[in-house]
N, C-alpha and C. Protein backbone atom coordinates (compact mmCIF):
# COMPACT_ATOMS: atom_id res chain seq x y z
N MET A 1 0.79 -1.11 0.02
CA MET A 1 -0.03 0.06 0.32
C MET A 1 0.81 1.12 0.08
N PHE A 2 0.43 2.02 -0.78
CA PHE A 2 1.14 3.40 -0.91
C PHE A 2 -0.09 4.48 -0.57
N ASP A 3 0.28 5.48 0.10
CA ASP A 3 -0.77 6.84 0.57
C ASP A 3 0.23 7.90 0.66
N PHE A 4 0.02 8.88 -0.36
CA PHE A 4 0.60 10.31 0.18
C PHE A 4 -0.18 11.33 0.23
N HIS A 5 -1.14 11.32 0.72
CA HIS A 5 -2.04 12.59 1.48
C HIS A 5 -2.99 11.62 3.01
N THR A 6 -2.18 12.31 4.03
CA THR A 6 -2.49 11.52 5.39
C THR A 6 -2.51 13.02 6.51
N HIS A 7 -3.28 13.17 7.41
CA HIS A 7 -3.25 14.05 8.60
C HIS A 7 -3.13 13.82 9.87
N THR A 8 -2.39 14.57 10.83
CA THR A 8 -2.13 14.20 11.92
C THR A 8 -3.04 15.10 13.04
N PHE A 9 -2.68 15.13 14.28
CA PHE A 9 -3.24 16.25 15.03
C PHE A 9 -2.17 17.51 15.04
N LEU A 10 -1.54 17.61 14.17
CA LEU A 10 -0.74 18.94 13.46
C LEU A 10 -1.82 19.84 12.79
N SER A 11 -2.41 19.39 12.35
CA SER A 11 -3.47 19.72 11.42
C SER A 11 -4.97 19.33 12.00
N ASP A 12 -5.78 18.80 11.28
CA ASP A 12 -7.23 18.35 11.65
C ASP A 12 -7.21 17.11 12.13
N GLY A 13 -6.14 16.28 11.70
CA GLY A 13 -6.37 14.94 11.89
C GLY A 13 -6.36 14.43 13.63
N VAL A 14 -6.29 12.99 14.37
CA VAL A 14 -6.84 12.61 15.45
C VAL A 14 -5.62 12.09 16.08
N LEU A 15 -4.00 11.57 15.30
CA LEU A 15 -3.46 10.59 16.12
C LEU A 15 -2.11 11.88 15.69
N SER A 16 -1.25 11.79 16.88
CA SER A 16 0.10 11.62 16.38
C SER A 16 0.82 11.01 15.51
N PRO A 17 1.69 12.01 14.92
CA PRO A 17 2.52 11.22 13.05
C PRO A 17 2.97 9.89 14.00
N VAL A 18 3.77 9.64 14.98
CA VAL A 18 4.04 8.27 15.16
C VAL A 18 3.01 7.42 15.54
N GLU A 19 1.73 7.94 15.77
CA GLU A 19 0.93 6.64 15.90
C GLU A 19 0.32 6.33 15.01
N LEU A 20 -0.19 7.10 13.55
CA LEU A 20 -0.55 7.16 12.60
C LEU A 20 0.57 6.11 11.89
N ILE A 21 1.32 6.76 12.05
CA ILE A 21 2.49 5.75 11.33
C ILE A 21 2.69 4.68 11.38
N ARG A 22 2.58 4.14 12.73
CA ARG A 22 2.32 2.90 13.56
C ARG A 22 1.29 1.75 12.64
N ARG A 23 0.03 2.61 12.92
CA ARG A 23 -1.36 2.05 12.43
C ARG A 23 -1.17 1.89 11.22
N ALA A 24 -0.63 2.54 10.42
CA ALA A 24 -0.36 2.07 9.05
C ALA A 24 0.41 0.86 8.45
N HIS A 25 1.19 1.07 9.66
CA HIS A 25 2.61 0.30 9.38
C HIS A 25 1.61 -1.16 9.70
N VAL A 26 0.45 -1.45 10.61
CA VAL A 26 0.61 -2.79 10.91
C VAL A 26 -0.83 -3.14 9.92
N LEU A 27 -1.36 -1.96 9.42
CA LEU A 27 -2.49 -2.31 8.35
C LEU A 27 -1.88 -2.75 6.94
N GLY A 28 -0.49 -2.99 6.69
CA GLY A 28 0.48 -3.08 5.43
C GLY A 28 0.77 -2.12 4.93
N TYR A 29 1.09 -1.00 4.98
CA TYR A 29 1.21 0.49 4.67
C TYR A 29 2.64 0.19 3.83
N ARG A 30 3.27 0.53 3.38
CA ARG A 30 4.74 0.05 2.70
C ARG A 30 5.52 1.57 2.86
N VAL A 31 4.81 2.84 2.15
CA VAL A 31 4.66 4.18 1.95
C VAL A 31 3.67 4.61 2.27
N MET A 32 4.30 6.03 3.00
CA MET A 32 2.93 7.03 3.19
C MET A 32 3.62 8.24 3.50
N ALA A 33 3.15 9.16 3.44
CA ALA A 33 3.08 10.73 3.11
C ALA A 33 2.51 10.81 4.58
N ILE A 34 2.87 12.12 5.02
CA ILE A 34 1.73 12.72 6.31
C ILE A 34 2.03 14.34 5.50
N THR A 35 0.62 14.64 5.21
CA THR A 35 0.84 16.15 4.79
C THR A 35 -0.07 16.91 5.21
N ASP A 36 0.02 17.01 6.74
CA ASP A 36 -0.73 18.24 7.38
C ASP A 36 -0.98 19.69 6.65
N HIS A 37 -2.28 20.25 6.92
CA HIS A 37 -2.58 21.06 6.48
C HIS A 37 -1.88 22.16 6.54
N VAL A 38 -1.45 23.34 5.61
CA VAL A 38 -0.34 24.48 5.82
C VAL A 38 -1.15 25.64 5.39
N GLY A 39 -0.46 26.89 5.54
CA GLY A 39 -0.36 28.20 4.94
C GLY A 39 1.15 28.72 5.83
N ALA A 40 1.09 29.94 5.21
CA ALA A 40 2.14 30.34 5.71
C ALA A 40 2.51 30.46 7.10
N GLY A 41 1.73 30.90 7.96
CA GLY A 41 2.12 30.93 9.39
C GLY A 41 2.89 29.35 10.00
N ASN A 42 2.16 28.14 9.71
CA ASN A 42 2.86 26.80 10.39
C ASN A 42 3.46 26.11 9.21
N LEU A 43 3.99 26.58 8.39
CA LEU A 43 4.75 25.81 7.60
C LEU A 43 5.82 25.06 8.17
N GLU A 44 6.75 26.32 8.76
CA GLU A 44 7.64 25.60 9.47
C GLU A 44 7.59 24.29 10.49
N TYR A 45 6.70 25.12 11.65
CA TYR A 45 6.67 24.03 12.77
C TYR A 45 6.32 22.58 12.06
N VAL A 46 5.22 22.68 11.55
CA VAL A 46 4.69 21.40 10.86
C VAL A 46 5.55 20.36 10.50
N LEU A 47 6.67 20.98 9.32
CA LEU A 47 7.79 20.40 8.71
C LEU A 47 8.75 19.69 9.80
N LYS A 48 8.84 20.91 10.66
CA LYS A 48 10.40 20.46 11.40
C LYS A 48 9.40 19.00 12.84
N THR A 49 8.28 18.89 13.16
CA THR A 49 7.93 17.93 13.77
C THR A 49 7.93 16.64 12.91
N LEU A 50 7.80 16.85 11.64
CA LEU A 50 6.83 15.74 10.76
C LEU A 50 8.19 14.94 10.38
N THR A 51 9.18 15.99 10.05
CA THR A 51 10.33 15.07 9.61
C THR A 51 11.56 14.80 10.82
N ILE A 52 11.37 14.80 12.12
CA ILE A 52 11.93 14.08 13.01
C ILE A 52 11.08 12.96 13.47
N ASP A 53 9.79 12.99 13.44
CA ASP A 53 8.99 11.65 13.64
C ASP A 53 8.97 10.73 12.44
N CYS A 54 8.98 11.36 11.52
CA CYS A 54 9.19 10.26 10.14
C CYS A 54 10.30 9.82 10.12
N ARG A 55 11.32 10.46 10.00
CA ARG A 55 12.82 9.84 10.34
C ARG A 55 13.04 8.69 11.34
N MET A 56 12.30 8.70 12.19
CA MET A 56 12.29 7.86 13.48
C MET A 56 12.05 6.68 13.15
N ALA A 57 10.44 6.77 12.52
CA ALA A 57 9.51 5.30 12.05
C ALA A 57 9.91 4.93 11.22
N SER A 58 10.85 5.42 10.48
CA SER A 58 11.46 4.95 8.80
C SER A 58 12.53 4.03 9.53
N GLU A 59 13.47 4.66 10.59
CA GLU A 59 14.18 3.81 11.02
C GLU A 59 14.00 2.47 11.40
N ARG A 60 13.09 2.75 12.44
CA ARG A 60 12.93 1.76 13.45
C ARG A 60 11.95 0.38 12.77
N TRP A 61 10.93 0.65 11.59
CA TRP A 61 9.87 -0.23 11.27
C TRP A 61 9.95 -0.44 9.63
N ASP A 62 9.09 -1.20 9.04
CA ASP A 62 9.40 -1.35 7.44
C ASP A 62 8.41 -0.47 7.06
N ILE A 63 8.61 0.74 7.06
CA ILE A 63 7.70 1.58 6.49
C ILE A 63 8.61 2.54 5.94
N LEU A 64 8.57 3.26 4.98
CA LEU A 64 9.18 5.00 4.34
C LEU A 64 7.80 5.49 4.89
N ALA A 65 8.43 6.88 6.08
CA ALA A 65 7.45 7.47 6.06
C ALA A 65 7.84 9.03 5.62
N LEU A 66 7.35 9.67 5.23
CA LEU A 66 7.82 10.90 4.35
C LEU A 66 6.97 12.15 4.60
N PRO A 67 8.05 13.31 5.18
CA PRO A 67 7.41 14.45 5.65
C PRO A 67 6.67 15.10 4.76
N GLY A 68 5.85 15.87 4.85
CA GLY A 68 4.97 16.30 3.70
C GLY A 68 3.96 17.44 3.91
N VAL A 69 3.17 18.47 3.16
CA VAL A 69 2.64 19.35 3.62
C VAL A 69 1.14 19.08 2.70
N GLU A 70 -0.43 19.60 3.25
CA GLU A 70 -0.83 20.03 1.94
C GLU A 70 -1.41 21.46 2.27
N ILE A 71 -0.87 22.34 0.98
CA ILE A 71 -1.07 23.63 1.14
C ILE A 71 -2.66 23.91 0.68
N THR A 72 -3.14 24.39 1.86
CA THR A 72 -4.69 24.71 2.12
C THR A 72 -5.30 25.65 2.05
N HIS A 73 -6.53 26.02 1.08
CA HIS A 73 -6.68 27.25 1.09
C HIS A 73 -6.02 28.66 1.33
N THR A 74 -5.00 28.72 0.79
CA THR A 74 -4.42 29.74 0.77
C THR A 74 -4.32 31.00 -0.74
N PRO A 75 -4.52 31.55 -0.75
CA PRO A 75 -4.29 32.63 -1.93
C PRO A 75 -4.03 31.96 -3.11
N LYS A 76 -4.13 32.03 -4.00
CA LYS A 76 -3.64 31.16 -5.37
C LYS A 76 -2.84 31.84 -5.63
N GLN A 77 -2.30 33.38 -5.67
CA GLN A 77 -0.79 33.55 -5.93
C GLN A 77 0.25 33.45 -5.27
N ASP A 78 -0.10 32.69 -3.74
CA ASP A 78 0.92 32.35 -3.06
C ASP A 78 0.95 30.87 -2.97
N ILE A 79 0.64 30.38 -3.57
CA ILE A 79 0.91 28.70 -3.71
C ILE A 79 2.26 28.19 -4.46
N ASP A 80 2.88 28.56 -5.18
CA ASP A 80 3.74 28.60 -5.67
C ASP A 80 5.16 28.67 -4.83
N LEU A 81 4.96 29.98 -4.00
CA LEU A 81 5.84 30.39 -2.70
C LEU A 81 5.77 29.32 -2.03
N LEU A 82 4.80 29.03 -1.36
CA LEU A 82 4.45 28.37 -0.20
C LEU A 82 4.70 26.64 -0.70
N ALA A 83 4.77 26.29 -1.86
CA ALA A 83 5.17 25.05 -2.33
C ALA A 83 6.74 25.16 -2.38
N ARG A 84 7.63 25.94 -2.79
CA ARG A 84 8.99 26.32 -2.72
C ARG A 84 9.81 26.16 -1.43
N GLU A 85 8.89 27.17 -0.61
CA GLU A 85 9.34 27.05 1.03
C GLU A 85 9.54 25.51 1.39
N ALA A 86 8.14 24.92 1.30
CA ALA A 86 8.03 23.68 1.95
C ALA A 86 9.17 22.86 1.48
N ARG A 87 9.32 22.74 0.57
CA ARG A 87 10.60 21.76 -0.56
C ARG A 87 11.91 22.35 0.41
N ALA A 88 11.90 23.58 0.60
CA ALA A 88 13.48 24.37 0.83
C ALA A 88 13.13 23.73 2.50
N LEU A 89 12.44 23.52 3.27
CA LEU A 89 12.38 23.37 4.70
C LEU A 89 12.35 21.73 4.96
N GLY A 90 12.19 20.67 3.79
CA GLY A 90 12.16 19.67 3.66
C GLY A 90 11.06 18.54 4.03
N ALA A 91 10.12 18.98 3.04
CA ALA A 91 9.05 18.37 2.74
C ALA A 91 9.71 17.62 1.43
N LYS A 92 8.98 16.55 1.57
CA LYS A 92 9.16 15.42 0.38
C LYS A 92 8.17 15.11 -0.62
N VAL A 93 7.07 15.54 0.02
CA VAL A 93 5.48 15.97 -1.09
C VAL A 93 5.09 17.12 -0.68
N VAL A 94 4.66 17.41 -1.67
CA VAL A 94 3.98 18.58 -1.52
C VAL A 94 2.48 18.77 -1.79
N ASN A 95 1.60 18.51 -1.43
CA ASN A 95 0.41 18.50 -2.15
C ASN A 95 -0.66 19.60 -2.18
N VAL A 96 -1.19 20.19 -2.98
CA VAL A 96 -2.24 20.88 -2.89
C VAL A 96 -3.84 20.88 -2.52
N HIS A 97 -4.27 21.27 -1.89
CA HIS A 97 -5.79 21.13 -1.78
C HIS A 97 -6.77 21.56 -2.94
N GLY A 98 -7.18 21.35 -3.53
CA GLY A 98 -7.79 21.16 -4.75
C GLY A 98 -9.37 21.47 -4.53
N GLU A 99 -9.76 21.95 -5.88
CA GLU A 99 -11.17 22.58 -6.02
C GLU A 99 -11.79 21.87 -5.59
N THR A 100 -12.03 20.80 -5.09
CA THR A 100 -13.25 19.86 -3.93
C THR A 100 -14.81 20.77 -4.23
N ILE A 101 -15.47 19.92 -4.55
CA ILE A 101 -16.91 21.03 -4.85
C ILE A 101 -17.76 20.93 -3.22
N VAL A 102 -17.06 20.47 -2.22
CA VAL A 102 -17.34 20.28 -1.22
C VAL A 102 -17.27 21.54 -0.05
N GLU A 103 -15.77 22.48 -0.51
CA GLU A 103 -15.35 23.48 0.15
C GLU A 103 -15.44 24.42 -0.93
N PRO A 104 -15.37 25.85 0.31
CA PRO A 104 -15.22 27.15 -0.87
C PRO A 104 -13.54 27.70 -1.31
N VAL A 105 -13.01 26.74 -1.72
CA VAL A 105 -11.78 26.83 -2.32
C VAL A 105 -11.59 27.72 -3.65
N GLU A 106 -10.73 28.43 -3.05
CA GLU A 106 -10.66 29.68 -4.65
C GLU A 106 -10.80 29.31 -5.60
N PRO A 107 -11.47 29.86 -6.63
CA PRO A 107 -10.93 29.49 -8.05
C PRO A 107 -9.68 29.73 -8.84
N GLY A 108 -9.29 28.88 -9.17
CA GLY A 108 -7.64 29.25 -9.92
C GLY A 108 -6.77 28.84 -8.86
N THR A 109 -7.09 27.72 -7.53
CA THR A 109 -6.11 26.70 -6.93
C THR A 109 -5.75 25.81 -7.81
N ASN A 110 -6.48 25.31 -8.59
CA ASN A 110 -5.99 24.20 -9.28
C ASN A 110 -5.10 24.32 -10.32
N HIS A 111 -5.23 25.43 -10.65
CA HIS A 111 -4.57 26.07 -12.39
C HIS A 111 -3.13 26.22 -11.87
N ALA A 112 -3.26 26.86 -10.29
CA ALA A 112 -1.71 27.50 -9.58
C ALA A 112 -1.38 26.55 -9.63
N ALA A 113 -1.42 25.21 -8.82
CA ALA A 113 -1.17 24.09 -8.11
C ALA A 113 -0.44 23.57 -9.27
N VAL A 114 -1.05 23.24 -10.71
CA VAL A 114 -0.67 21.96 -11.51
C VAL A 114 0.22 22.97 -12.51
N SER A 115 0.41 24.38 -12.33
CA SER A 115 1.50 24.97 -12.82
C SER A 115 2.92 25.34 -12.02
N SER A 116 2.87 24.61 -11.26
CA SER A 116 4.14 25.05 -9.94
C SER A 116 4.99 24.11 -10.21
N SER A 117 6.17 23.93 -10.05
CA SER A 117 7.25 23.31 -10.35
C SER A 117 7.38 22.47 -9.38
N HIS A 118 6.78 22.91 -8.11
CA HIS A 118 7.27 22.23 -6.60
C HIS A 118 6.41 21.69 -6.22
N VAL A 119 5.01 21.28 -6.78
CA VAL A 119 3.72 20.79 -6.58
C VAL A 119 4.15 19.16 -6.78
N ASN A 120 3.66 18.12 -6.03
CA ASN A 120 3.68 16.81 -6.47
C ASN A 120 2.03 16.47 -6.48
N ILE A 121 1.61 16.59 -6.07
CA ILE A 121 0.10 16.11 -6.19
C ILE A 121 -0.68 17.34 -5.86
N LEU A 122 -1.84 17.30 -6.72
CA LEU A 122 -3.25 18.18 -6.27
C LEU A 122 -4.39 17.23 -6.21
N ALA A 123 -4.33 17.26 -4.88
CA ALA A 123 -5.79 16.79 -4.05
C ALA A 123 -6.57 17.01 -4.47
N HIS A 124 -8.01 15.94 -4.67
CA HIS A 124 -9.33 15.81 -4.86
C HIS A 124 -9.59 17.46 -5.75
N PRO A 125 -9.27 17.20 -7.24
CA PRO A 125 -9.16 18.27 -7.97
C PRO A 125 -10.49 18.66 -8.08
N GLY A 126 -11.70 18.26 -7.88
CA GLY A 126 -12.75 18.51 -7.93
C GLY A 126 -13.69 18.56 -9.52
N LEU A 127 -13.68 19.54 -10.12
CA LEU A 127 -13.98 19.64 -11.46
C LEU A 127 -13.25 20.19 -12.63
N ILE A 128 -12.24 19.34 -12.09
CA ILE A 128 -10.97 20.00 -13.06
C ILE A 128 -11.13 19.74 -14.68
N THR A 129 -10.38 20.81 -15.32
CA THR A 129 -10.84 21.45 -16.41
C THR A 129 -9.73 20.09 -17.70
N PRO A 130 -10.05 19.81 -18.65
CA PRO A 130 -8.98 19.56 -19.68
C PRO A 130 -7.89 20.27 -19.82
N ASP A 131 -7.62 21.46 -19.64
CA ASP A 131 -6.83 22.36 -20.08
C ASP A 131 -5.98 22.46 -18.73
N GLU A 132 -6.14 21.74 -17.19
CA GLU A 132 -5.60 22.17 -15.97
C GLU A 132 -5.05 20.66 -16.24
N ALA A 133 -6.00 19.72 -16.84
CA ALA A 133 -4.95 18.48 -16.53
C ALA A 133 -3.73 18.47 -17.33
N ALA A 134 -4.06 19.05 -18.68
CA ALA A 134 -2.86 18.54 -19.57
C ALA A 134 -1.48 19.78 -19.04
N ILE A 135 -1.99 20.27 -18.08
CA ILE A 135 -0.55 21.31 -17.78
C ILE A 135 0.26 20.56 -16.78
N ALA A 136 -0.79 20.01 -15.97
CA ALA A 136 -0.35 18.80 -14.46
C ALA A 136 0.27 17.79 -15.60
N ALA A 137 -0.07 17.41 -16.46
CA ALA A 137 0.89 16.31 -17.27
C ALA A 137 1.88 16.76 -17.48
N ALA A 138 2.31 17.69 -18.00
CA ALA A 138 3.29 18.46 -18.82
C ALA A 138 4.30 18.72 -17.60
N ASN A 139 3.77 19.24 -16.64
CA ASN A 139 4.56 19.51 -15.13
C ASN A 139 4.84 18.17 -14.68
N GLY A 140 4.23 17.08 -14.63
CA GLY A 140 4.49 16.13 -14.00
C GLY A 140 3.89 16.09 -12.15
N VAL A 141 2.50 16.54 -12.12
CA VAL A 141 1.84 16.98 -11.24
C VAL A 141 0.55 16.07 -11.32
N TYR A 142 0.59 15.30 -9.87
CA TYR A 142 -0.35 13.71 -10.02
C TYR A 142 -1.76 14.51 -9.76
N LEU A 143 -2.68 13.80 -10.34
CA LEU A 143 -3.72 14.13 -10.04
C LEU A 143 -4.70 12.67 -9.05
N GLU A 144 -5.23 13.63 -7.77
CA GLU A 144 -5.72 12.44 -6.50
C GLU A 144 -7.05 12.12 -7.10
N ILE A 145 -6.86 10.55 -7.07
CA ILE A 145 -8.85 9.90 -6.78
C ILE A 145 -8.75 9.82 -5.30
N SER A 146 -9.54 10.52 -4.89
CA SER A 146 -9.71 10.20 -3.43
C SER A 146 -10.54 9.48 -2.52
N SER A 147 -10.44 8.65 -1.79
CA SER A 147 -11.42 7.77 -1.21
C SER A 147 -11.87 8.48 -0.28
N ARG A 148 -11.79 9.74 0.27
CA ARG A 148 -12.66 10.25 1.56
C ARG A 148 -13.95 10.76 0.89
N ARG A 149 -15.17 11.00 1.84
CA ARG A 149 -16.03 10.93 1.73
C ARG A 149 -16.54 12.78 1.27
N GLY A 150 -17.46 13.02 0.45
CA GLY A 150 -17.39 14.25 -0.31
C GLY A 150 -16.36 14.40 -1.15
N HIS A 151 -15.03 14.68 -1.19
CA HIS A 151 -14.23 14.84 -1.79
C HIS A 151 -14.42 13.68 -3.19
N SER A 152 -14.48 12.28 -3.09
CA SER A 152 -15.15 11.48 -3.84
C SER A 152 -15.56 11.27 -4.77
N LEU A 153 -16.54 12.56 -4.62
CA LEU A 153 -17.89 12.62 -5.58
C LEU A 153 -17.58 12.68 -6.83
N THR A 154 -16.16 13.43 -6.85
CA THR A 154 -15.81 13.86 -8.45
C THR A 154 -14.72 12.76 -9.12
N ASN A 155 -14.73 11.72 -8.49
CA ASN A 155 -13.51 11.20 -8.50
C ASN A 155 -13.78 10.32 -10.09
N GLY A 156 -14.88 9.98 -10.59
CA GLY A 156 -14.99 9.75 -12.15
C GLY A 156 -14.74 10.64 -12.61
N HIS A 157 -15.14 11.67 -13.12
CA HIS A 157 -15.00 13.15 -13.58
C HIS A 157 -13.09 13.38 -13.76
N VAL A 158 -12.82 13.06 -12.52
CA VAL A 158 -11.27 13.40 -12.49
C VAL A 158 -10.32 12.22 -13.04
N ALA A 159 -10.76 11.06 -13.01
CA ALA A 159 -10.33 10.21 -13.81
C ALA A 159 -10.24 9.87 -15.65
N ARG A 160 -11.72 10.30 -15.75
CA ARG A 160 -11.87 10.53 -16.89
C ARG A 160 -11.02 11.78 -17.62
N ILE A 161 -10.63 12.79 -16.90
CA ILE A 161 -10.28 13.74 -17.56
C ILE A 161 -8.88 13.43 -17.52
N ALA A 162 -8.40 12.87 -16.37
CA ALA A 162 -6.79 12.86 -16.37
C ALA A 162 -6.56 11.85 -17.60
N ARG A 163 -7.22 10.96 -17.79
CA ARG A 163 -7.19 9.81 -18.83
C ARG A 163 -6.79 10.34 -20.02
N ALA A 164 -7.90 11.36 -20.42
CA ALA A 164 -7.61 11.99 -21.55
C ALA A 164 -6.42 13.01 -22.05
N ALA A 165 -5.75 13.72 -20.85
CA ALA A 165 -4.93 14.45 -20.58
C ALA A 165 -3.82 13.70 -20.64
N ASN A 166 -3.64 11.98 -20.20
CA ASN A 166 -2.44 11.38 -19.97
C ASN A 166 -1.67 11.80 -18.85
N ALA A 167 -2.24 12.55 -17.85
CA ALA A 167 -1.81 13.07 -16.30
C ALA A 167 -1.94 11.88 -15.84
N GLY A 168 -1.04 11.82 -14.96
CA GLY A 168 -0.46 10.99 -13.71
C GLY A 168 -1.94 11.13 -12.60
N MET A 169 -1.96 9.63 -12.15
CA MET A 169 -3.14 9.88 -11.22
C MET A 169 -2.56 8.85 -9.69
N VAL A 170 -3.19 9.37 -8.73
CA VAL A 170 -2.60 8.49 -7.46
C VAL A 170 -3.81 8.49 -6.61
N LEU A 171 -4.08 7.18 -6.07
CA LEU A 171 -5.16 6.89 -5.18
C LEU A 171 -4.72 7.50 -3.58
N ASP A 172 -5.34 8.22 -3.05
CA ASP A 172 -4.82 8.33 -1.46
C ASP A 172 -6.53 8.46 -0.41
N SER A 173 -6.22 8.43 0.78
CA SER A 173 -6.99 7.81 1.47
C SER A 173 -7.26 9.58 2.45
N ASP A 174 -6.87 10.62 2.30
CA ASP A 174 -7.13 11.66 3.20
C ASP A 174 -6.94 11.18 4.38
N THR A 175 -6.24 10.53 5.43
CA THR A 175 -7.20 9.98 6.36
C THR A 175 -6.51 11.32 7.34
N HIS A 176 -7.58 11.08 8.34
CA HIS A 176 -7.76 12.17 9.29
C HIS A 176 -7.77 11.19 10.70
N GLU A 177 -8.54 10.03 10.81
CA GLU A 177 -8.59 9.29 12.09
C GLU A 177 -8.35 8.12 11.57
N PRO A 178 -7.92 6.73 12.44
CA PRO A 178 -7.51 5.25 11.87
C PRO A 178 -8.38 4.50 11.27
N GLY A 179 -9.59 4.98 11.05
CA GLY A 179 -10.53 4.28 10.60
C GLY A 179 -10.75 4.86 8.43
N ASP A 180 -10.01 5.83 7.92
CA ASP A 180 -9.91 6.05 7.17
C ASP A 180 -8.53 5.65 6.34
N LEU A 181 -7.57 4.76 7.02
CA LEU A 181 -6.77 4.63 6.39
C LEU A 181 -7.22 3.04 5.64
N LEU A 182 -6.41 2.68 4.56
CA LEU A 182 -7.15 1.97 3.52
C LEU A 182 -6.51 0.41 3.61
N SER A 183 -7.29 -0.24 3.36
CA SER A 183 -6.73 -1.61 2.90
C SER A 183 -6.96 -1.73 1.13
N ARG A 184 -6.14 -2.78 0.98
CA ARG A 184 -5.71 -2.93 -0.61
C ARG A 184 -7.21 -2.97 -1.18
N GLU A 185 -8.14 -4.00 -0.59
CA GLU A 185 -9.24 -4.35 -1.42
C GLU A 185 -10.44 -3.31 -1.31
N HIS A 186 -10.15 -2.57 -0.36
CA HIS A 186 -11.34 -1.14 -0.69
C HIS A 186 -10.65 0.14 -1.50
N ALA A 187 -9.12 -0.02 -1.56
CA ALA A 187 -8.53 0.84 -2.46
C ALA A 187 -8.93 0.42 -3.86
N LEU A 188 -8.89 -0.58 -4.30
CA LEU A 188 -9.29 -1.66 -5.08
C LEU A 188 -10.88 -1.25 -5.81
N ARG A 189 -11.79 -1.19 -4.71
CA ARG A 189 -13.05 -0.30 -5.08
C ARG A 189 -13.45 1.05 -5.53
N VAL A 190 -12.59 1.57 -4.78
CA VAL A 190 -12.55 3.09 -5.05
C VAL A 190 -11.97 3.10 -6.50
N ALA A 191 -10.82 2.62 -6.82
CA ALA A 191 -10.34 2.84 -8.12
C ALA A 191 -11.42 2.64 -9.21
N ARG A 192 -12.09 0.97 -8.95
CA ARG A 192 -13.08 0.75 -9.79
C ARG A 192 -14.10 1.57 -10.29
N GLY A 193 -14.56 2.59 -8.44
CA GLY A 193 -15.90 2.72 -8.93
C GLY A 193 -15.62 3.96 -9.48
N ALA A 194 -14.25 5.06 -9.53
CA ALA A 194 -14.32 6.10 -9.91
C ALA A 194 -13.95 5.62 -11.65
N GLY A 195 -14.42 4.60 -12.20
CA GLY A 195 -14.55 3.92 -13.80
C GLY A 195 -13.54 3.14 -14.30
N LEU A 196 -12.33 2.98 -13.31
CA LEU A 196 -11.18 1.98 -14.19
C LEU A 196 -11.07 1.08 -13.83
N ASP A 197 -10.83 0.26 -15.43
CA ASP A 197 -10.94 -1.33 -15.42
C ASP A 197 -9.96 -1.75 -14.17
N GLU A 198 -9.52 -3.19 -14.23
CA GLU A 198 -8.83 -3.86 -13.55
C GLU A 198 -7.55 -3.31 -13.59
N ARG A 199 -6.95 -3.31 -15.25
CA ARG A 199 -5.62 -3.33 -15.52
C ARG A 199 -5.35 -1.63 -14.79
N GLU A 200 -5.91 -0.91 -15.28
CA GLU A 200 -5.94 0.85 -15.02
C GLU A 200 -6.09 1.00 -13.55
N ALA A 201 -6.94 0.26 -12.54
CA ALA A 201 -7.07 -0.06 -11.42
C ALA A 201 -5.54 -0.45 -10.45
N LEU A 202 -5.10 -1.65 -10.85
CA LEU A 202 -3.66 -2.20 -10.46
C LEU A 202 -2.53 -0.84 -10.60
N THR A 203 -2.35 -0.74 -11.86
CA THR A 203 -1.65 0.46 -12.54
C THR A 203 -1.97 1.79 -11.34
N LEU A 204 -2.51 2.21 -11.01
CA LEU A 204 -3.36 3.29 -10.25
C LEU A 204 -2.61 2.85 -8.65
N LEU A 205 -2.77 1.72 -8.53
CA LEU A 205 -2.21 1.71 -7.19
C LEU A 205 -0.79 1.32 -6.87
N ASP A 206 -0.67 0.03 -7.92
CA ASP A 206 0.86 -0.30 -7.98
C ASP A 206 1.99 0.62 -8.52
N ASP A 207 1.77 1.04 -10.06
CA ASP A 207 2.89 1.60 -11.00
C ASP A 207 3.08 3.05 -10.46
N ASN A 208 1.69 3.44 -10.80
CA ASN A 208 1.59 5.31 -10.27
C ASN A 208 2.23 5.45 -9.08
N PRO A 209 2.12 5.32 -7.98
CA PRO A 209 3.04 5.31 -7.08
C PRO A 209 4.58 5.25 -6.95
N ARG A 210 4.98 3.93 -7.45
CA ARG A 210 6.57 4.10 -7.90
C ARG A 210 6.87 4.38 -8.51
N ALA A 211 6.35 5.58 -9.67
CA ALA A 211 6.62 6.67 -10.46
C ALA A 211 6.29 7.78 -9.63
N LEU A 212 5.78 8.14 -9.01
CA LEU A 212 6.00 9.26 -8.25
C LEU A 212 7.24 9.43 -7.29
N LEU A 213 7.42 8.03 -6.53
CA LEU A 213 8.62 8.39 -5.97
C LEU A 213 9.73 8.37 -6.89
N ALA A 214 9.53 7.51 -7.84
CA ALA A 214 11.21 7.92 -8.52
C ALA A 214 11.17 9.46 -9.07
N SER A 215 10.35 9.87 -9.20
CA SER A 215 10.44 11.45 -9.43
C SER A 215 10.77 12.30 -8.77
N LEU A 216 10.52 11.94 -7.08
CA LEU A 216 11.11 12.60 -6.50
C LEU A 216 12.43 12.12 -5.68
N GLY A 217 12.86 11.41 -6.72
CA GLY A 217 14.30 11.05 -6.41
C GLY A 217 14.18 10.10 -5.15
N ILE A 218 13.24 9.34 -4.91
CA ILE A 218 13.34 8.14 -3.64
C ILE A 218 13.32 6.75 -4.33
N GLU A 219 14.45 6.22 -3.59
CA GLU A 219 14.23 4.70 -4.20
C GLU A 219 13.74 3.83 -3.16
N HIS A 220 12.97 2.93 -3.45
CA HIS A 220 12.18 2.13 -2.24
C HIS A 220 11.95 0.78 -2.84
N ASP A 221 11.61 -0.36 -2.66
CA ASP A 221 11.71 -1.75 -3.20
C ASP A 221 10.38 -1.97 -2.50
N ALA A 222 9.48 -0.78 -2.28
CA ALA A 222 8.16 -1.84 -2.09
C ALA A 222 7.43 -2.44 -3.12
């Protein structure tokens, strides 16, 4: 299992970083990113804490835990700057909170995110446009298929638009509490529910995460 979008009590999750990693490890996760919600004010604090805990857990347990961020509800003009700062502060995975249809995300956020060379994943992109997906494909920004309630309502649209643009996709849990962590069986059901056939679903779960890791310069035998 791979999961590049999870949250702890450093933002709006319920578990500490170490407990979240431990629970994911027991469930069979091999690689995960903790990507707490950030803006300009808490960016440094969140990454400093996550870097310490992720390093410790990765050294002791058979799981690669990556410190990251989800840039959330920030002005679209500041997304590239915050993503660049996050990378400089040690973020291994930089997500942007996309224009989900269930939250009042500023219009233009999707475009700003896929246009940034410092962003890795556009989370729950909502009604992403073909032009935005084409930019994501050109810049190597992955589009997220989400298992989280509400955000998952547009999974079918995201998959269809991403497929047409040849944009990369990853499936993430957007975990906030223990019950959100995914089993492989449920992840496959989410992928199939997004309209992917069996081969495409397996590519989404197995091949695409490895390609994302390779693009980050991270070698792992998961």
